[in-house]
Amino acid sequence: MQSDRGLGLVEVIVAMLLLGAIAVAILPALWQGIILSSEQSSTATATRFLNSLVEEARGLENCTTIPDVIGRTESDGSGNELVSSGSLAGCASGSAATLTLQVSTGGEVLASTTALIYIP
């Protein structure tokens, strides 16, 4: 009489097949998570770049140097070029100027802002 205790080879193979099927079912969700994480990383880098440009513009003393802030380029962690563009309106000494900036890569706008900058 044989004992039925323990796991047999058939049970181990069935368990491996079930684990494999579960892994294949989860794989698309994991892949989508990686893609979304990469996109969010680019957006976060663009937002930080945009904030640094606004703060740099706020630190400048006159209207003639602010346009130098508008056309900057930086790269994100993926090696994509982030290009800033924008406009400056109402720039006069002793008033607040309106600085509109956006950061894009490959024609897609990742972040944009409008900021008031006091010109002493």
C-alpha atoms as a PDB file:
ATOM      1  CA  MET A   1       0.000   0.000   0.000  1.00  0.00           C
ATOM      2  CA  GLN A   2       1.393   3.400  -1.032  1.00  0.00           C
ATOM      3  CA  SER A   3       1.211   6.492   1.094  1.00  0.00           C
ATOM      4  CA  ASP A   4      -0.456   9.630  -0.339  1.00  0.00           C
ATOM      5  CA  ARG A   5       1.457  11.991   1.921  1.00  0.00           C
ATOM      6  CA  GLY A   6       3.521  14.867   0.488  1.00  0.00           C
ATOM      7  CA  LEU A   7       3.462  16.543  -2.899  1.00  0.00           C
ATOM      8  CA  GLY A   8       3.797  14.635  -6.080  1.00  0.00           C
ATOM      9  CA  LEU A   9       5.348  15.819  -9.317  1.00  0.00           C
ATOM     10  CA  VAL A  10       1.938  16.459 -10.885  1.00  0.00           C
ATOM     11  CA  GLU A  11       0.894  18.789  -8.057  1.00  0.00           C
ATOM     12  CA  VAL A  12       4.153  20.754  -8.323  1.00  0.00           C
ATOM     13  CA  ILE A  13       3.716  21.179 -12.099  1.00  0.00           C
ATOM     14  CA  VAL A  14       0.084  22.309 -11.674  1.00  0.00           C
ATOM     15  CA  ALA A  15       1.141  24.828  -9.013  1.00  0.00           C
ATOM     16  CA  MET A  16       3.874  26.186 -11.303  1.00  0.00           C
ATOM     17  CA  LEU A  17       1.401  26.551 -14.176  1.00  0.00           C
ATOM     18  CA  LEU A  18      -1.046  28.419 -11.944  1.00  0.00           C
ATOM     19  CA  LEU A  19       1.683  30.779 -10.718  1.00  0.00           C
ATOM     20  CA  GLY A  20       2.795  31.343 -14.315  1.00  0.00           C
ATOM     21  CA  ALA A  21      -0.759  32.181 -15.407  1.00  0.00           C
ATOM     22  CA  ILE A  22      -1.127  34.649 -12.539  1.00  0.00           C
ATOM     23  CA  ALA A  23       2.217  36.265 -13.407  1.00  0.00           C
ATOM     24  CA  VAL A  24       1.195  36.659 -17.063  1.00  0.00           C
ATOM     25  CA  ALA A  25      -2.133  38.191 -15.980  1.00  0.00           C
ATOM     26  CA  ILE A  26      -0.393  40.754 -13.738  1.00  0.00           C
ATOM     27  CA  LEU A  27       2.327  41.701 -16.250  1.00  0.00           C
ATOM     28  CA  PRO A  28       0.275  44.279 -18.259  1.00  0.00           C
ATOM     29  CA  ALA A  29      -0.636  46.172 -15.090  1.00  0.00           C
ATOM     30  CA  LEU A  30       3.006  46.275 -14.015  1.00  0.00           C
ATOM     31  CA  TRP A  31       4.089  47.480 -17.454  1.00  0.00           C
ATOM     32  CA  GLN A  32       1.451  50.234 -17.453  1.00  0.00           C
ATOM     33  CA  GLY A  33       2.640  51.304 -14.001  1.00  0.00           C
ATOM     34  CA  ILE A  34       6.204  51.655 -15.256  1.00  0.00           C
ATOM     35  CA  ILE A  35       5.073  53.762 -18.228  1.00  0.00           C
ATOM     36  CA  LEU A  36       2.918  56.056 -16.052  1.00  0.00           C
ATOM     37  CA  SER A  37       5.744  56.449 -13.557  1.00  0.00           C
ATOM     38  CA  SER A  38       8.080  57.530 -16.345  1.00  0.00           C
ATOM     39  CA  GLU A  39       5.573  60.093 -17.641  1.00  0.00           C
ATOM     40  CA  GLN A  40       4.989  61.494 -14.159  1.00  0.00           C
ATOM     41  CA  SER A  41       8.731  61.783 -13.641  1.00  0.00           C
ATOM     42  CA  SER A  42       9.023  63.935 -16.781  1.00  0.00           C
ATOM     43  CA  THR A  43       6.108  66.110 -15.650  1.00  0.00           C
ATOM     44  CA  ALA A  44       7.639  66.572 -12.195  1.00  0.00           C
ATOM     45  CA  THR A  45      11.000  67.528 -13.719  1.00  0.00           C
ATOM     46  CA  ALA A  46       9.276  70.026 -16.037  1.00  0.00           C
ATOM     47  CA  THR A  47       7.406  71.557 -13.094  1.00  0.00           C
ATOM     48  CA  ARG A  48      10.613  71.945 -11.065  1.00  0.00           C
ATOM     49  CA  PHE A  49      12.329  73.486 -14.115  1.00  0.00           C
ATOM     50  CA  LEU A  50       9.425  75.908 -14.554  1.00  0.00           C
ATOM     51  CA  ASN A  51       9.487  76.919 -10.881  1.00  0.00           C
ATOM     52  CA  SER A  52      13.236  77.537 -11.024  1.00  0.00           C
ATOM     53  CA  LEU A  53      12.784  79.795 -14.067  1.00  0.00           C
ATOM     54  CA  VAL A  54      10.077  81.837 -12.314  1.00  0.00           C
ATOM     55  CA  GLU A  55      12.217  82.219  -9.189  1.00  0.00           C
ATOM     56  CA  GLU A  56      15.212  83.232 -11.294  1.00  0.00           C
ATOM     57  CA  ALA A  57      13.098  85.848 -13.099  1.00  0.00           C
ATOM     58  CA  ARG A  58      11.854  87.193  -9.762  1.00  0.00           C
ATOM     59  CA  GLY A  59      15.447  87.688  -8.668  1.00  0.00           C
ATOM     60  CA  LEU A  60      16.385  89.833 -11.660  1.00  0.00           C
ATOM     61  CA  GLU A  61      16.606  93.597 -11.313  1.00  0.00           C
ATOM     62  CA  ASN A  62      15.266  94.912 -14.629  1.00  0.00           C
ATOM     63  CA  CYS A  63      13.136  94.103 -17.666  1.00  0.00           C
ATOM     64  CA  THR A  64      16.003  93.664 -20.113  1.00  0.00           C
ATOM     65  CA  THR A  65      17.355  90.479 -18.526  1.00  0.00           C
ATOM     66  CA  ILE A  66      14.054  88.648 -17.949  1.00  0.00           C
ATOM     67  CA  PRO A  67      13.686  87.444 -21.588  1.00  0.00           C
ATOM     68  CA  ASP A  68      16.931  85.466 -21.119  1.00  0.00           C
ATOM     69  CA  VAL A  69      15.012  83.228 -18.704  1.00  0.00           C
ATOM     70  CA  ILE A  70      12.305  82.358 -21.251  1.00  0.00           C
ATOM     71  CA  GLY A  71      14.269  80.349 -23.832  1.00  0.00           C
ATOM     72  CA  ARG A  72      16.123  77.778 -21.731  1.00  0.00           C
ATOM     73  CA  THR A  73      16.682  74.074 -22.316  1.00  0.00           C
ATOM     74  CA  GLU A  74      17.221  71.309 -19.771  1.00  0.00           C
ATOM     75  CA  SER A  75      17.109  67.525 -19.967  1.00  0.00           C
ATOM     76  CA  ASP A  76      15.170  65.178 -17.712  1.00  0.00           C
ATOM     77  CA  GLY A  77      16.334  61.860 -16.303  1.00  0.00           C
ATOM     78  CA  SER A  78      15.273  60.029 -19.472  1.00  0.00           C
ATOM     79  CA  GLY A  79      17.427  62.247 -21.670  1.00  0.00           C
ATOM     80  CA  ASN A  80      14.458  64.147 -23.148  1.00  0.00           C
ATOM     81  CA  GLU A  81      15.035  67.841 -23.842  1.00  0.00           C
ATOM     82  CA  LEU A  82      12.745  70.160 -21.913  1.00  0.00           C
ATOM     83  CA  VAL A  83      12.375  73.479 -23.742  1.00  0.00           C
ATOM     84  CA  SER A  84      10.907  76.557 -22.084  1.00  0.00           C
ATOM     85  CA  SER A  85       8.991  79.198 -24.002  1.00  0.00           C
ATOM     86  CA  GLY A  86       6.747  82.056 -23.033  1.00  0.00           C
ATOM     87  CA  SER A  87       6.131  85.763 -22.996  1.00  0.00           C
ATOM     88  CA  LEU A  88       6.554  88.808 -20.800  1.00  0.00           C
ATOM     89  CA  ALA A  89       3.916  91.556 -20.626  1.00  0.00           C
ATOM     90  CA  GLY A  90       3.642  94.868 -18.805  1.00  0.00           C
ATOM     91  CA  CYS A  91       7.278  95.174 -17.872  1.00  0.00           C
ATOM     92  CA  ALA A  92       7.929  98.606 -16.356  1.00  0.00           C
ATOM     93  CA  SER A  93      10.007  99.766 -13.434  1.00  0.00           C
ATOM     94  CA  GLY A  94       8.061  99.886 -10.175  1.00  0.00           C
ATOM     95  CA  SER A  95       5.258  97.594 -11.336  1.00  0.00           C
ATOM     96  CA  ALA A  96       4.369  93.928 -11.647  1.00  0.00           C
ATOM     97  CA  ALA A  97       5.040  92.225 -14.965  1.00  0.00           C
ATOM     98  CA  THR A  98       3.192  89.126 -16.142  1.00  0.00           C
ATOM     99  CA  LEU A  99       5.443  86.226 -17.085  1.00  0.00           C
ATOM    100  CA  THR A 100       3.814  83.324 -18.913  1.00  0.00           C
ATOM    101  CA  LEU A 101       5.955  80.199 -19.283  1.00  0.00           C
ATOM    102  CA  GLN A 102       5.493  76.680 -20.555  1.00  0.00           C
ATOM    103  CA  VAL A 103       7.825  73.703 -20.724  1.00  0.00           C
ATOM    104  CA  SER A 104       7.469  71.187 -23.526  1.00  0.00           C
ATOM    105  CA  THR A 105       9.234  68.171 -24.943  1.00  0.00           C
ATOM    106  CA  GLY A 106       8.672  66.843 -28.431  1.00  0.00           C
ATOM    107  CA  GLY A 107       5.828  69.309 -29.013  1.00  0.00           C
ATOM    108  CA  GLU A 108       3.902  68.163 -25.915  1.00  0.00           C
ATOM    109  CA  VAL A 109       3.400  70.767 -23.176  1.00  0.00           C
ATOM    110  CA  LEU A 110       4.268  69.210 -19.817  1.00  0.00           C
ATOM    111  CA  ALA A 111       3.781  72.217 -17.530  1.00  0.00           C
ATOM    112  CA  SER A 112       2.740  75.863 -17.797  1.00  0.00           C
ATOM    113  CA  THR A 113       2.303  78.807 -15.456  1.00  0.00           C
ATOM    114  CA  THR A 114       1.582  82.514 -15.307  1.00  0.00           C
ATOM    115  CA  ALA A 115       3.442  84.481 -12.656  1.00  0.00           C
ATOM    116  CA  LEU A 116       3.528  88.086 -11.515  1.00  0.00           C
ATOM    117  CA  ILE A 117       7.023  89.486 -11.116  1.00  0.00           C
ATOM    118  CA  TYR A 118       7.684  92.766  -9.338  1.00  0.00           C
ATOM    119  CA  ILE A 119      10.197  94.960 -11.142  1.00  0.00           C
ATOM    120  CA  PRO A 120      11.893  97.367  -8.690  1.00  0.00           C
END
